[in-house]
Amino acid sequence: MLVVNRFHAEADVADAFRADLERALEVLSARPGFEDGRLGRNVDEPALWVMVTRWKDVGSYRRALSSYEVKLYAVQTLSRAIEEPSAFEPLDGELNTAVPRDLGSR
């Protein structure tokens, strides 16, 4: 599975934010099921950042987020992500045909 987290951080905090992102990626990379990860900064809008990670499966990712080390060293940075869906299934197999529940209509 792929996880794409986008962030907005202005130039005056760019160095500190980059260090926070690098630390978050380092901590996530130590968790079981982590396959790889990359950090990036938008070419046209440098205040827009991205962290893309690849996981064995959704369970590995969710367990990683609940680990003590990730809560201590990465969750504060991850909580700054732009609020949007971030988990994606790769297109190298059959598509998930489950229909998401409408959580906002009740």
Protein backbone atom coordinates (compact mmCIF):
# COMPACT_ATOMS: atom_id res chain seq x y z
CA MET A 1 0.00 0.00 0.00
CA LEU A 2 1.05 3.58 -0.60
CA VAL A 3 0.66 6.44 1.84
CA VAL A 4 0.91 9.99 0.52
CA ASN A 5 1.01 12.73 3.16
CA ARG A 6 1.17 16.33 1.95
CA PHE A 7 2.18 19.22 4.20
CA HIS A 8 2.28 22.98 4.05
CA ALA A 9 5.30 24.65 5.70
CA GLU A 10 6.49 28.15 4.90
CA ALA A 11 10.09 29.12 4.15
CA ASP A 12 10.75 30.52 7.62
CA VAL A 13 10.37 27.02 9.12
CA ALA A 14 11.65 25.00 6.15
CA ASP A 15 14.88 23.77 7.78
CA ALA A 16 13.17 22.69 11.00
CA PHE A 17 10.28 21.12 9.12
CA ARG A 18 12.64 19.16 6.88
CA ALA A 19 14.43 17.83 9.97
CA ASP A 20 11.06 16.82 11.48
CA LEU A 21 10.04 15.03 8.27
CA GLU A 22 13.38 13.22 8.08
CA ARG A 23 13.02 12.09 11.70
CA ALA A 24 9.44 10.91 11.10
CA LEU A 25 10.54 8.91 8.05
CA GLU A 26 13.45 7.43 10.00
CA VAL A 27 11.15 6.27 12.80
CA LEU A 28 8.55 4.87 10.38
CA SER A 29 11.24 3.03 8.42
CA ALA A 30 12.13 0.99 11.51
CA ARG A 31 8.62 -0.47 11.78
CA PRO A 32 7.74 -3.96 10.49
CA GLY A 33 6.10 -3.89 7.08
CA PHE A 34 7.78 -0.65 5.95
CA GLU A 35 9.12 -1.10 2.42
CA ASP A 36 10.42 2.34 1.43
CA GLY A 37 9.79 6.05 1.68
CA ARG A 38 10.65 9.36 0.08
CA LEU A 39 10.38 13.01 0.98
CA GLY A 40 9.84 15.81 -1.50
CA ARG A 41 9.20 19.49 -1.89
CA ASN A 42 7.10 20.99 -4.66
CA VAL A 43 9.10 22.66 -7.44
CA ASP A 44 6.57 25.41 -8.14
CA GLU A 45 5.24 25.94 -4.61
CA PRO A 46 8.09 25.32 -2.15
CA ALA A 47 5.79 25.56 0.87
CA LEU A 48 4.20 22.26 -0.24
CA TRP A 49 5.97 19.11 0.99
CA VAL A 50 5.25 15.40 0.62
CA MET A 51 6.11 12.14 2.36
CA VAL A 52 5.39 8.99 0.36
CA THR A 53 5.79 5.64 2.08
CA ARG A 54 5.18 2.11 0.87
CA TRP A 55 4.00 -0.64 3.21
CA LYS A 56 3.52 -4.40 2.98
CA ASP A 57 -0.19 -3.96 3.80
CA VAL A 58 -2.62 -1.64 5.52
CA GLY A 59 -2.26 -3.52 8.81
CA SER A 60 1.48 -2.87 8.90
CA TYR A 61 0.88 0.83 8.39
CA ARG A 62 -1.79 1.05 11.06
CA ARG A 63 0.31 -0.91 13.56
CA ALA A 64 3.25 1.40 12.84
CA LEU A 65 1.15 4.45 13.69
CA SER A 66 0.19 2.94 17.02
CA SER A 67 3.77 2.13 18.07
CA TYR A 68 5.32 4.06 20.97
CA GLU A 69 8.29 5.34 18.94
CA VAL A 70 6.09 6.66 16.13
CA LYS A 71 3.74 8.32 18.60
CA LEU A 72 6.74 9.93 20.32
CA TYR A 73 8.78 11.04 17.31
CA ALA A 74 6.53 11.17 14.23
CA VAL A 75 2.86 11.71 15.07
CA GLN A 76 3.30 15.40 15.86
CA THR A 77 4.77 15.96 12.40
CA LEU A 78 2.28 13.64 10.69
CA SER A 79 -0.58 15.51 12.36
CA ARG A 80 0.45 18.58 10.34
CA ALA A 81 -0.53 16.80 7.10
CA ILE A 82 -3.13 18.40 4.88
CA GLU A 83 -6.42 16.74 5.75
CA GLU A 84 -7.20 14.48 2.82
CA PRO A 85 -7.30 10.73 2.15
CA SER A 86 -3.72 9.44 2.21
CA ALA A 87 -3.79 5.63 1.81
CA PHE A 88 -3.76 4.17 -1.70
CA GLU A 89 -3.66 0.68 -3.10
CA PRO A 90 -1.06 0.07 -5.81
CA LEU A 91 -2.32 -0.76 -9.28
CA ASP A 92 -0.24 -3.90 -9.67
CA GLY A 93 -3.01 -6.33 -8.70
CA GLU A 94 -6.76 -6.55 -8.49
CA LEU A 95 -8.51 -3.42 -7.31
CA ASN A 96 -10.23 -3.34 -3.96
CA THR A 97 -13.92 -3.53 -4.77
CA ALA A 98 -15.14 -2.69 -1.27
CA VAL A 99 -17.47 0.29 -1.23
CA PRO A 100 -16.43 2.81 1.47
CA ARG A 101 -19.01 3.61 4.10
CA ASP A 102 -20.51 7.09 4.03
CA LEU A 103 -19.43 8.21 7.50
CA GLY A 104 -20.85 11.72 7.25
CA SER A 105 -24.48 11.12 6.38
CA ARG A 106 -25.88 9.85 9.68
